[in-house]
């Protein structure tokens, strides 16, 4: 921090981040700052800077997002002893109360505004959402690196292959998708609520993808609850951007891909000492048995009718 021109006051607090290392750092003559050390070899400089430019463009349109600070001549991405570093202002808010349907209406409006800006151009360096990247490659990694117990291996092999086939069929049935620049990981943990307004943080997974990816993670509960939540979310969304009804059947496919990708993410990071300490339940026979059960449930859910925009 000193190398970037700041004067820390020795108050350093590690935040809950596993992919990167993120700290809240006290500053002598001002409010605390948030400092992100990027995991080596995950993103290229071009990909990180493209994420930064996207958030800055959103801020130019007066959207509530946290953007990186320009640090003198190094811009928004600096380097110190081979670690790439970005500094952000601290923003304090509370988790959104999404059981309140009025809050979902507000969320829909702001996500639509993000998408309206995201649709003005395409990412050149960031990844694109695809079945191959999030499901096929996840399955392949787990099978090639002997994470799954031999007693459950056959069940995982056949079930995961069936799921991928079903998900691929859903994407084909949806036809040619319109993709845009999206947050990519828009779950409630990446939203801070203050003065009846959501502020979006952590665009680390920003990608080129369909709009529904930024919406489905805000739906929770049983089918009736998710149906009611969807109607509020889309009502707000349509005020600023047109919701694509054809993407509704993709919700459970995207959930399936996220479940598969999460297990592979833990496996890929298992040599990082922070992961066995933070996820001691991973890579046990019980974990894999429960994971397979969850995937079986997804296979059944994929055959259910999708949520509808009914009145």
C-alpha atoms as a PDB file:
ATOM      1  CA  UNK A   1       0.000   0.000   0.000  1.00  0.00           C
ATOM      2  CA  UNK A   2       2.897   2.347   0.749  1.00  0.00           C
ATOM      3  CA  UNK A   3       4.338   1.646  -2.693  1.00  0.00           C
ATOM      4  CA  UNK A   4       1.039   2.917  -4.161  1.00  0.00           C
ATOM      5  CA  UNK A   5       1.195   6.165  -2.206  1.00  0.00           C
ATOM      6  CA  UNK A   6      -1.045   5.302   0.742  1.00  0.00           C
ATOM      7  CA  UNK A   7      -0.186   5.499   4.442  1.00  0.00           C
ATOM      8  CA  UNK A   8      -1.631   2.470   6.275  1.00  0.00           C
ATOM      9  CA  UNK A   9      -2.200   2.693  10.012  1.00  0.00           C
ATOM     10  CA  UNK A  10      -1.535  -1.040  10.684  1.00  0.00           C
ATOM     11  CA  UNK A  11      -5.222  -2.010  10.899  1.00  0.00           C
ATOM     12  CA  UNK A  12      -5.448  -4.977   8.526  1.00  0.00           C
ATOM     13  CA  UNK A  13      -8.446  -7.294   8.361  1.00  0.00           C
ATOM     14  CA  UNK A  14      -8.662 -10.281   6.011  1.00  0.00           C
ATOM     15  CA  UNK A  15     -12.031 -10.488   4.242  1.00  0.00           C
ATOM     16  CA  UNK A  16     -13.913 -13.613   3.274  1.00  0.00           C
ATOM     17  CA  UNK A  17     -12.412 -14.300  -0.143  1.00  0.00           C
ATOM     18  CA  UNK A  18     -10.826 -17.531  -1.335  1.00  0.00           C
ATOM     19  CA  UNK A  19     -10.236 -17.068  -5.054  1.00  0.00           C
ATOM     20  CA  UNK A  20      -8.189 -13.919  -4.481  1.00  0.00           C
ATOM     21  CA  UNK A  21      -6.789 -12.476  -1.244  1.00  0.00           C
ATOM     22  CA  UNK A  22      -8.729  -9.419  -0.098  1.00  0.00           C
ATOM     23  CA  UNK A  23      -8.006  -7.172   2.883  1.00  0.00           C
ATOM     24  CA  UNK A  24      -9.534  -4.160   4.555  1.00  0.00           C
ATOM     25  CA  UNK A  25      -6.660  -1.790   5.308  1.00  0.00           C
ATOM     26  CA  UNK A  26      -6.890   1.193   7.626  1.00  0.00           C
ATOM     27  CA  UNK A  27      -5.500   4.457   6.243  1.00  0.00           C
ATOM     28  CA  UNK A  28      -3.989   7.170   8.441  1.00  0.00           C
ATOM     29  CA  UNK A  29      -5.627  10.197   6.836  1.00  0.00           C
ATOM     30  CA  UNK A  30      -8.827   8.727   5.436  1.00  0.00           C
ATOM     31  CA  UNK A  31     -11.358   5.892   5.413  1.00  0.00           C
ATOM     32  CA  UNK A  32     -10.249   2.269   5.141  1.00  0.00           C
ATOM     33  CA  UNK A  33      -9.603   0.807   1.699  1.00  0.00           C
ATOM     34  CA  UNK A  34     -10.196  -2.641   0.234  1.00  0.00           C
ATOM     35  CA  UNK A  35      -7.124  -4.230  -1.356  1.00  0.00           C
ATOM     36  CA  UNK A  36      -7.375  -7.200  -3.713  1.00  0.00           C
ATOM     37  CA  UNK A  37      -4.364  -9.400  -4.543  1.00  0.00           C
ATOM     38  CA  UNK A  38      -5.290 -11.381  -7.650  1.00  0.00           C
ATOM     39  CA  UNK A  39      -4.660 -15.119  -7.726  1.00  0.00           C
ATOM     40  CA  UNK A  40      -1.655 -15.676 -10.012  1.00  0.00           C
ATOM     41  CA  UNK A  41      -2.306 -17.114 -13.481  1.00  0.00           C
ATOM     42  CA  UNK A  42      -6.100 -17.004 -13.222  1.00  0.00           C
ATOM     43  CA  UNK A  43      -6.792 -13.884 -15.283  1.00  0.00           C
ATOM     44  CA  UNK A  44      -4.553 -12.065 -17.717  1.00  0.00           C
ATOM     45  CA  UNK A  45      -3.880  -8.356 -17.225  1.00  0.00           C
ATOM     46  CA  UNK A  46      -6.112  -7.667 -20.225  1.00  0.00           C
ATOM     47  CA  UNK A  47      -8.990  -9.585 -18.626  1.00  0.00           C
ATOM     48  CA  UNK A  48      -8.637  -7.776 -15.297  1.00  0.00           C
ATOM     49  CA  UNK A  49      -8.440  -4.363 -16.934  1.00  0.00           C
ATOM     50  CA  UNK A  50     -11.477  -5.153 -19.066  1.00  0.00           C
ATOM     51  CA  UNK A  51     -13.393  -5.913 -15.864  1.00  0.00           C
ATOM     52  CA  UNK A  52     -12.223  -2.590 -14.383  1.00  0.00           C
ATOM     53  CA  UNK A  53     -13.259  -0.634 -17.485  1.00  0.00           C
ATOM     54  CA  UNK A  54     -16.693  -2.263 -17.427  1.00  0.00           C
ATOM     55  CA  UNK A  55     -17.354  -1.173 -13.836  1.00  0.00           C
ATOM     56  CA  UNK A  56     -16.108   2.321 -14.639  1.00  0.00           C
ATOM     57  CA  UNK A  57     -18.450   2.521 -17.608  1.00  0.00           C
ATOM     58  CA  UNK A  58     -21.347   1.461 -15.370  1.00  0.00           C
ATOM     59  CA  UNK A  59     -20.388   4.158 -12.860  1.00  0.00           C
ATOM     60  CA  UNK A  60     -20.369   6.753 -15.650  1.00  0.00           C
ATOM     61  CA  UNK A  61     -24.033   5.904 -16.169  1.00  0.00           C
ATOM     62  CA  UNK A  62     -24.583   6.511 -12.434  1.00  0.00           C
ATOM     63  CA  UNK A  63     -25.065   2.847 -11.613  1.00  0.00           C
ATOM     64  CA  UNK A  64     -24.260   1.801  -8.020  1.00  0.00           C
ATOM     65  CA  UNK A  65     -21.100  -0.260  -8.448  1.00  0.00           C
ATOM     66  CA  UNK A  66     -17.765  -0.184  -6.620  1.00  0.00           C
ATOM     67  CA  UNK A  67     -14.964   0.764  -9.014  1.00  0.00           C
ATOM     68  CA  UNK A  68     -11.184   0.456  -8.522  1.00  0.00           C
ATOM     69  CA  UNK A  69      -9.071   3.464  -7.560  1.00  0.00           C
ATOM     70  CA  UNK A  70      -6.526   4.874  -9.994  1.00  0.00           C
ATOM     71  CA  UNK A  71      -3.158   4.730  -8.228  1.00  0.00           C
ATOM     72  CA  UNK A  72      -0.889   7.342  -9.835  1.00  0.00           C
ATOM     73  CA  UNK A  73       0.800   6.150 -13.039  1.00  0.00           C
ATOM     74  CA  UNK A  74      -0.069   2.471 -12.491  1.00  0.00           C
ATOM     75  CA  UNK A  75      -3.760   3.027 -13.144  1.00  0.00           C
ATOM     76  CA  UNK A  76      -6.217   0.589 -11.585  1.00  0.00           C
ATOM     77  CA  UNK A  77      -3.944  -2.479 -11.737  1.00  0.00           C
ATOM     78  CA  UNK A  78      -0.592  -2.374  -9.974  1.00  0.00           C
ATOM     79  CA  UNK A  79       2.122  -4.940  -9.296  1.00  0.00           C
ATOM     80  CA  UNK A  80       4.223  -5.566  -6.196  1.00  0.00           C
ATOM     81  CA  UNK A  81       6.713  -8.435  -5.965  1.00  0.00           C
ATOM     82  CA  UNK A  82       4.951 -10.344  -8.749  1.00  0.00           C
ATOM     83  CA  UNK A  83       1.496  -9.918  -7.188  1.00  0.00           C
ATOM     84  CA  UNK A  84      -1.104  -7.939  -9.097  1.00  0.00           C
ATOM     85  CA  UNK A  85      -3.018  -5.550  -6.866  1.00  0.00           C
ATOM     86  CA  UNK A  86      -6.139  -3.391  -7.126  1.00  0.00           C
ATOM     87  CA  UNK A  87      -7.448  -0.948  -4.524  1.00  0.00           C
ATOM     88  CA  UNK A  88     -11.129  -0.159  -3.976  1.00  0.00           C
ATOM     89  CA  UNK A  89     -13.015   2.258  -1.727  1.00  0.00           C
ATOM     90  CA  UNK A  90     -14.728   0.602   1.203  1.00  0.00           C
ATOM     91  CA  UNK A  91     -18.513   0.451   0.893  1.00  0.00           C
ATOM     92  CA  UNK A  92     -20.615  -0.482   3.915  1.00  0.00           C
ATOM     93  CA  UNK A  93     -24.059  -1.960   3.429  1.00  0.00           C
ATOM     94  CA  UNK A  94     -26.227  -4.839   4.572  1.00  0.00           C
ATOM     95  CA  UNK A  95     -27.275  -8.010   2.730  1.00  0.00           C
ATOM     96  CA  UNK A  96     -30.397  -7.505   0.591  1.00  0.00           C
ATOM     97  CA  UNK A  97     -33.661  -8.797   2.051  1.00  0.00           C
ATOM     98  CA  UNK A  98     -34.920 -10.630  -1.007  1.00  0.00           C
ATOM     99  CA  UNK A  99     -37.891 -12.172   0.781  1.00  0.00           C
ATOM    100  CA  UNK A 100     -39.310  -8.658   0.403  1.00  0.00           C
ATOM    101  CA  UNK A 101     -40.789  -8.615  -3.095  1.00  0.00           C
ATOM    102  CA  UNK A 102     -40.452  -4.832  -3.332  1.00  0.00           C
ATOM    103  CA  UNK A 103     -36.682  -5.242  -3.043  1.00  0.00           C
ATOM    104  CA  UNK A 104     -36.720  -7.698  -5.946  1.00  0.00           C
ATOM    105  CA  UNK A 105     -38.566  -5.115  -8.019  1.00  0.00           C
ATOM    106  CA  UNK A 106     -35.733  -2.664  -7.289  1.00  0.00           C
ATOM    107  CA  UNK A 107     -33.079  -5.303  -8.041  1.00  0.00           C
ATOM    108  CA  UNK A 108     -34.701  -5.989 -11.392  1.00  0.00           C
ATOM    109  CA  UNK A 109     -34.500  -2.322 -12.350  1.00  0.00           C
ATOM    110  CA  UNK A 110     -30.820  -1.988 -11.512  1.00  0.00           C
ATOM    111  CA  UNK A 111     -29.768  -5.266 -13.156  1.00  0.00           C
ATOM    112  CA  UNK A 112     -31.633  -4.183 -16.287  1.00  0.00           C
ATOM    113  CA  UNK A 113     -29.687  -0.922 -16.303  1.00  0.00           C
ATOM    114  CA  UNK A 114     -26.420  -2.862 -15.961  1.00  0.00           C
ATOM    115  CA  UNK A 115     -27.458  -5.023 -18.905  1.00  0.00           C
ATOM    116  CA  UNK A 116     -28.451  -2.024 -21.003  1.00  0.00           C
ATOM    117  CA  UNK A 117     -24.885  -0.744 -20.626  1.00  0.00           C
ATOM    118  CA  UNK A 118     -23.436  -4.240 -21.013  1.00  0.00           C
ATOM    119  CA  UNK A 119     -25.196  -4.658 -24.347  1.00  0.00           C
ATOM    120  CA  UNK A 120     -23.485  -1.616 -25.886  1.00  0.00           C
ATOM    121  CA  UNK A 121     -20.325  -3.626 -26.660  1.00  0.00           C
ATOM    122  CA  UNK A 122     -18.784  -7.057 -26.116  1.00  0.00           C
ATOM    123  CA  UNK A 123     -15.931  -8.312 -23.980  1.00  0.00           C
ATOM    124  CA  UNK A 124     -12.832  -9.114 -26.025  1.00  0.00           C
ATOM    125  CA  UNK A 125     -10.779 -10.828 -23.319  1.00  0.00           C
ATOM    126  CA  UNK A 126     -13.166 -12.046 -20.612  1.00  0.00           C
ATOM    127  CA  UNK A 127     -14.546 -15.602 -20.797  1.00  0.00           C
ATOM    128  CA  UNK A 128     -17.934 -16.519 -22.231  1.00  0.00           C
ATOM    129  CA  UNK A 129     -20.492 -18.638 -20.439  1.00  0.00           C
ATOM    130  CA  UNK A 130     -20.727 -22.074 -22.049  1.00  0.00           C
ATOM    131  CA  UNK A 131     -21.713 -25.640 -21.184  1.00  0.00           C
ATOM    132  CA  UNK A 132     -18.211 -26.758 -22.120  1.00  0.00           C
ATOM    133  CA  UNK A 133     -16.424 -24.389 -19.748  1.00  0.00           C
ATOM    134  CA  UNK A 134     -18.657 -24.784 -16.705  1.00  0.00           C
ATOM    135  CA  UNK A 135     -19.891 -28.384 -16.994  1.00  0.00           C
ATOM    136  CA  UNK A 136     -17.841 -30.465 -19.456  1.00  0.00           C
ATOM    137  CA  UNK A 137     -14.442 -29.199 -18.299  1.00  0.00           C
ATOM    138  CA  UNK A 138     -15.492 -29.448 -14.640  1.00  0.00           C
ATOM    139  CA  UNK A 139     -16.478 -33.086 -15.059  1.00  0.00           C
ATOM    140  CA  UNK A 140     -13.291 -33.828 -16.970  1.00  0.00           C
ATOM    141  CA  UNK A 141     -11.068 -32.305 -14.281  1.00  0.00           C
ATOM    142  CA  UNK A 142     -12.685 -34.283 -11.469  1.00  0.00           C
ATOM    143  CA  UNK A 143     -12.428 -37.564 -13.357  1.00  0.00           C
ATOM    144  CA  UNK A 144      -8.819 -36.998 -14.437  1.00  0.00           C
ATOM    145  CA  UNK A 145      -7.536 -36.082 -10.968  1.00  0.00           C
ATOM    146  CA  UNK A 146      -8.980 -38.948  -8.903  1.00  0.00           C
ATOM    147  CA  UNK A 147     -11.074 -36.888  -6.517  1.00  0.00           C
ATOM    148  CA  UNK A 148     -14.163 -39.114  -6.593  1.00  0.00           C
ATOM    149  CA  UNK A 149     -14.101 -42.286  -4.427  1.00  0.00           C
ATOM    150  CA  UNK A 150     -13.962 -45.491  -6.471  1.00  0.00           C
ATOM    151  CA  UNK A 151     -17.238 -46.669  -4.925  1.00  0.00           C
ATOM    152  CA  UNK A 152     -19.032 -43.625  -6.378  1.00  0.00           C
ATOM    153  CA  UNK A 153     -17.048 -43.165  -9.570  1.00  0.00           C
ATOM    154  CA  UNK A 154     -19.370 -45.034 -11.918  1.00  0.00           C
ATOM    155  CA  UNK A 155     -22.437 -43.280 -10.544  1.00  0.00           C
ATOM    156  CA  UNK A 156     -20.809 -39.868 -11.061  1.00  0.00           C
ATOM    157  CA  UNK A 157     -19.564 -40.732 -14.566  1.00  0.00           C
ATOM    158  CA  UNK A 158     -22.960 -41.783 -15.900  1.00  0.00           C
ATOM    159  CA  UNK A 159     -25.020 -39.197 -14.027  1.00  0.00           C
ATOM    160  CA  UNK A 160     -22.818 -36.250 -14.967  1.00  0.00           C
ATOM    161  CA  UNK A 161     -22.786 -37.350 -18.602  1.00  0.00           C
ATOM    162  CA  UNK A 162     -26.578 -37.583 -18.629  1.00  0.00           C
ATOM    163  CA  UNK A 163     -26.827 -34.125 -17.067  1.00  0.00           C
ATOM    164  CA  UNK A 164     -24.501 -32.566 -19.613  1.00  0.00           C
ATOM    165  CA  UNK A 165     -26.533 -34.101 -22.424  1.00  0.00           C
ATOM    166  CA  UNK A 166     -29.753 -32.758 -20.930  1.00  0.00           C
ATOM    167  CA  UNK A 167     -28.262 -29.279 -20.403  1.00  0.00           C
ATOM    168  CA  UNK A 168     -26.884 -29.180 -23.944  1.00  0.00           C
ATOM    169  CA  UNK A 169     -30.343 -30.092 -25.242  1.00  0.00           C
ATOM    170  CA  UNK A 170     -31.878 -27.194 -23.281  1.00  0.00           C
ATOM    171  CA  UNK A 171     -29.382 -24.726 -24.723  1.00  0.00           C
ATOM    172  CA  UNK A 172     -30.003 -26.014 -28.261  1.00  0.00           C
ATOM    173  CA  UNK A 173     -33.752 -25.703 -27.767  1.00  0.00           C
ATOM    174  CA  UNK A 174     -33.311 -22.085 -26.674  1.00  0.00           C
ATOM    175  CA  UNK A 175     -31.865 -21.261 -30.099  1.00  0.00           C
ATOM    176  CA  UNK A 176     -29.279 -18.594 -30.744  1.00  0.00           C
ATOM    177  CA  UNK A 177     -28.784 -16.713 -27.473  1.00  0.00           C
ATOM    178  CA  UNK A 178     -28.152 -13.006 -27.251  1.00  0.00           C
ATOM    179  CA  UNK A 179     -25.136 -12.491 -25.003  1.00  0.00           C
ATOM    180  CA  UNK A 180     -23.948  -9.314 -23.330  1.00  0.00           C
ATOM    181  CA  UNK A 181     -21.481  -8.167 -20.695  1.00  0.00           C
ATOM    182  CA  UNK A 182     -22.882  -9.330 -17.351  1.00  0.00           C
ATOM    183  CA  UNK A 183     -21.829  -9.441 -13.695  1.00  0.00           C
ATOM    184  CA  UNK A 184     -21.624 -13.219 -13.974  1.00  0.00           C
ATOM    185  CA  UNK A 185     -21.854 -14.016 -10.244  1.00  0.00           C
ATOM    186  CA  UNK A 186     -24.820 -11.908  -9.159  1.00  0.00           C
ATOM    187  CA  UNK A 187     -25.819 -13.755  -5.988  1.00  0.00           C
ATOM    188  CA  UNK A 188     -27.037 -11.884  -2.870  1.00  0.00           C
ATOM    189  CA  UNK A 189     -23.539 -12.018  -1.328  1.00  0.00           C
ATOM    190  CA  UNK A 190     -22.281  -9.691  -4.048  1.00  0.00           C
ATOM    191  CA  UNK A 191     -24.940  -7.064  -3.383  1.00  0.00           C
ATOM    192  CA  UNK A 192     -24.864  -4.533  -0.524  1.00  0.00           C
ATOM    193  CA  UNK A 193     -28.081  -2.731   0.396  1.00  0.00           C
ATOM    194  CA  UNK A 194     -28.118   0.852   1.638  1.00  0.00           C
ATOM    195  CA  UNK A 195     -30.830   3.524   1.606  1.00  0.00           C
ATOM    196  CA  UNK A 196     -33.199   1.280  -0.397  1.00  0.00           C
ATOM    197  CA  UNK A 197     -30.602   0.874  -3.152  1.00  0.00           C
ATOM    198  CA  UNK A 198     -28.440  -2.123  -4.086  1.00  0.00           C
ATOM    199  CA  UNK A 199     -24.729  -1.619  -4.732  1.00  0.00           C
ATOM    200  CA  UNK A 200     -23.051  -4.318  -6.819  1.00  0.00           C
ATOM    201  CA  UNK A 201     -19.569  -5.479  -5.848  1.00  0.00           C
ATOM    202  CA  UNK A 202     -16.978  -8.032  -7.007  1.00  0.00           C
ATOM    203  CA  UNK A 203     -17.133  -8.179 -10.797  1.00  0.00           C
ATOM    204  CA  UNK A 204     -14.280 -10.720 -10.736  1.00  0.00           C
ATOM    205  CA  UNK A 205     -16.428 -13.204 -12.691  1.00  0.00           C
ATOM    206  CA  UNK A 206     -17.743 -10.692 -15.231  1.00  0.00           C
ATOM    207  CA  UNK A 207     -18.309 -12.512 -18.508  1.00  0.00           C
ATOM    208  CA  UNK A 208     -20.076 -12.557 -21.828  1.00  0.00           C
ATOM    209  CA  UNK A 209     -23.313 -14.428 -21.294  1.00  0.00           C
ATOM    210  CA  UNK A 210     -27.128 -14.451 -21.414  1.00  0.00           C
ATOM    211  CA  UNK A 211     -28.992 -11.994 -19.210  1.00  0.00           C
ATOM    212  CA  UNK A 212     -30.729 -14.731 -17.206  1.00  0.00           C
ATOM    213  CA  UNK A 213     -27.380 -15.631 -15.574  1.00  0.00           C
ATOM    214  CA  UNK A 214     -27.566 -12.417 -13.512  1.00  0.00           C
ATOM    215  CA  UNK A 215     -31.155 -13.067 -12.445  1.00  0.00           C
ATOM    216  CA  UNK A 216     -31.687 -16.717 -11.532  1.00  0.00           C
ATOM    217  CA  UNK A 217     -29.455 -16.690  -8.424  1.00  0.00           C
ATOM    218  CA  UNK A 218     -31.819 -14.188  -6.795  1.00  0.00           C
ATOM    219  CA  UNK A 219     -34.645 -16.761  -6.783  1.00  0.00           C
ATOM    220  CA  UNK A 220     -34.957 -19.041  -3.749  1.00  0.00           C
ATOM    221  CA  UNK A 221     -37.456 -21.282  -1.987  1.00  0.00           C
ATOM    222  CA  UNK A 222     -40.106 -23.626  -3.392  1.00  0.00           C
ATOM    223  CA  UNK A 223     -41.567 -23.294  -6.874  1.00  0.00           C
ATOM    224  CA  UNK A 224     -44.418 -20.991  -5.829  1.00  0.00           C
ATOM    225  CA  UNK A 225     -42.005 -18.674  -4.032  1.00  0.00           C
ATOM    226  CA  UNK A 226     -39.607 -18.569  -6.962  1.00  0.00           C
ATOM    227  CA  UNK A 227     -42.497 -17.933  -9.334  1.00  0.00           C
ATOM    228  CA  UNK A 228     -43.644 -14.920  -7.297  1.00  0.00           C
ATOM    229  CA  UNK A 229     -40.077 -13.632  -7.008  1.00  0.00           C
ATOM    230  CA  UNK A 230     -39.549 -13.955 -10.751  1.00  0.00           C
ATOM    231  CA  UNK A 231     -42.624 -11.885 -11.552  1.00  0.00           C
ATOM    232  CA  UNK A 232     -41.410  -9.000  -9.355  1.00  0.00           C
ATOM    233  CA  UNK A 233     -37.868  -9.215 -10.691  1.00  0.00           C
ATOM    234  CA  UNK A 234     -38.992  -9.177 -14.321  1.00  0.00           C
ATOM    235  CA  UNK A 235     -41.511  -6.386 -13.746  1.00  0.00           C
ATOM    236  CA  UNK A 236     -38.693  -4.142 -12.565  1.00  0.00           C
ATOM    237  CA  UNK A 237     -36.323  -5.413 -15.240  1.00  0.00           C
ATOM    238  CA  UNK A 238     -38.694  -4.599 -18.097  1.00  0.00           C
ATOM    239  CA  UNK A 239     -38.773  -0.942 -17.070  1.00  0.00           C
ATOM    240  CA  UNK A 240     -35.212  -0.507 -18.382  1.00  0.00           C
ATOM    241  CA  UNK A 241     -34.426  -3.504 -20.599  1.00  0.00           C
ATOM    242  CA  UNK A 242     -36.436  -6.175 -22.371  1.00  0.00           C
ATOM    243  CA  UNK A 243     -36.504  -9.508 -20.549  1.00  0.00           C
ATOM    244  CA  UNK A 244     -35.968 -12.476 -22.877  1.00  0.00           C
ATOM    245  CA  UNK A 245     -38.668 -15.031 -22.096  1.00  0.00           C
ATOM    246  CA  UNK A 246     -36.871 -17.636 -24.233  1.00  0.00           C
ATOM    247  CA  UNK A 247     -34.125 -17.799 -21.586  1.00  0.00           C
ATOM    248  CA  UNK A 248     -36.461 -18.990 -18.779  1.00  0.00           C
ATOM    249  CA  UNK A 249     -35.960 -22.719 -19.562  1.00  0.00           C
ATOM    250  CA  UNK A 250     -32.211 -22.231 -18.973  1.00  0.00           C
ATOM    251  CA  UNK A 251     -32.513 -21.494 -15.248  1.00  0.00           C
ATOM    252  CA  UNK A 252     -32.138 -25.074 -14.005  1.00  0.00           C
ATOM    253  CA  UNK A 253     -29.458 -25.784 -16.610  1.00  0.00           C
ATOM    254  CA  UNK A 254     -27.456 -22.840 -15.286  1.00  0.00           C
ATOM    255  CA  UNK A 255     -27.988 -24.052 -11.718  1.00  0.00           C
ATOM    256  CA  UNK A 256     -26.729 -27.507 -12.721  1.00  0.00           C
ATOM    257  CA  UNK A 257     -23.645 -26.011 -14.353  1.00  0.00           C
ATOM    258  CA  UNK A 258     -22.930 -23.940 -11.238  1.00  0.00           C
ATOM    259  CA  UNK A 259     -23.162 -26.998  -8.976  1.00  0.00           C
ATOM    260  CA  UNK A 260     -20.749 -28.956 -11.179  1.00  0.00           C
ATOM    261  CA  UNK A 261     -18.370 -26.021 -11.536  1.00  0.00           C
ATOM    262  CA  UNK A 262     -18.303 -25.404  -7.770  1.00  0.00           C
ATOM    263  CA  UNK A 263     -17.061 -28.922  -7.013  1.00  0.00           C
ATOM    264  CA  UNK A 264     -14.397 -28.645  -9.692  1.00  0.00           C
ATOM    265  CA  UNK A 265     -13.375 -25.213  -8.364  1.00  0.00           C
ATOM    266  CA  UNK A 266     -12.764 -26.686  -4.906  1.00  0.00           C
ATOM    267  CA  UNK A 267     -10.786 -29.521  -6.466  1.00  0.00           C
ATOM    268  CA  UNK A 268      -8.658 -27.164  -8.570  1.00  0.00           C
ATOM    269  CA  UNK A 269      -7.804 -25.112  -5.464  1.00  0.00           C
ATOM    270  CA  UNK A 270      -7.269 -28.034  -3.066  1.00  0.00           C
ATOM    271  CA  UNK A 271      -3.488 -27.535  -2.989  1.00  0.00           C
ATOM    272  CA  UNK A 272      -4.002 -23.989  -1.699  1.00  0.00           C
ATOM    273  CA  UNK A 273      -3.553 -24.337   2.109  1.00  0.00           C
ATOM    274  CA  UNK A 274      -6.554 -22.062   2.729  1.00  0.00           C
ATOM    275  CA  UNK A 275      -8.983 -24.512   1.128  1.00  0.00           C
ATOM    276  CA  UNK A 276      -8.608 -27.633   3.352  1.00  0.00           C
ATOM    277  CA  UNK A 277      -8.845 -25.308   6.363  1.00  0.00           C
ATOM    278  CA  UNK A 278     -11.968 -23.523   5.104  1.00  0.00           C
ATOM    279  CA  UNK A 279     -13.719 -26.495   3.451  1.00  0.00           C
ATOM    280  CA  UNK A 280     -12.819 -29.515   5.642  1.00  0.00           C
ATOM    281  CA  UNK A 281     -15.942 -31.358   4.492  1.00  0.00           C
ATOM    282  CA  UNK A 282     -14.831 -31.373   0.852  1.00  0.00           C
ATOM    283  CA  UNK A 283     -13.320 -34.490  -0.712  1.00  0.00           C
ATOM    284  CA  UNK A 284     -14.846 -36.868   1.808  1.00  0.00           C
ATOM    285  CA  UNK A 285     -16.957 -39.848   0.769  1.00  0.00           C
ATOM    286  CA  UNK A 286     -19.975 -38.208   2.410  1.00  0.00           C
ATOM    287  CA  UNK A 287     -19.463 -35.044   0.356  1.00  0.00           C
ATOM    288  CA  UNK A 288     -19.380 -36.931  -2.935  1.00  0.00           C
ATOM    289  CA  UNK A 289     -22.409 -39.037  -2.003  1.00  0.00           C
ATOM    290  CA  UNK A 290     -24.383 -35.861  -1.231  1.00  0.00           C
ATOM    291  CA  UNK A 291     -23.068 -34.186  -4.396  1.00  0.00           C
ATOM    292  CA  UNK A 292     -24.294 -37.100  -6.518  1.00  0.00           C
ATOM    293  CA  UNK A 293     -27.668 -36.962  -4.772  1.00  0.00           C
ATOM    294  CA  UNK A 294     -27.912 -33.240  -5.539  1.00  0.00           C
ATOM    295  CA  UNK A 295     -27.093 -33.912  -9.196  1.00  0.00           C
ATOM    296  CA  UNK A 296     -29.787 -36.630  -9.323  1.00  0.00           C
ATOM    297  CA  UNK A 297     -32.296 -34.099  -8.023  1.00  0.00           C
ATOM    298  CA  UNK A 298     -31.199 -31.670 -10.735  1.00  0.00           C
ATOM    299  CA  UNK A 299     -31.725 -34.336 -13.397  1.00  0.00           C
ATOM    300  CA  UNK A 300     -35.330 -34.690 -12.252  1.00  0.00           C
ATOM    301  CA  UNK A 301     -35.853 -30.921 -11.993  1.00  0.00           C
ATOM    302  CA  UNK A 302     -34.630 -30.443 -15.564  1.00  0.00           C
ATOM    303  CA  UNK A 303     -37.690 -32.387 -16.726  1.00  0.00           C
ATOM    304  CA  UNK A 304     -40.105 -30.071 -14.885  1.00  0.00           C
ATOM    305  CA  UNK A 305     -41.807 -27.188 -16.710  1.00  0.00           C
ATOM    306  CA  UNK A 306     -39.858 -23.921 -16.436  1.00  0.00           C
ATOM    307  CA  UNK A 307     -41.107 -20.951 -14.448  1.00  0.00           C
ATOM    308  CA  UNK A 308     -43.624 -18.812 -16.330  1.00  0.00           C
ATOM    309  CA  UNK A 309     -44.365 -15.108 -16.665  1.00  0.00           C
ATOM    310  CA  UNK A 310     -48.016 -15.541 -15.844  1.00  0.00           C
ATOM    311  CA  UNK A 311     -50.272 -12.857 -14.441  1.00  0.00           C
END
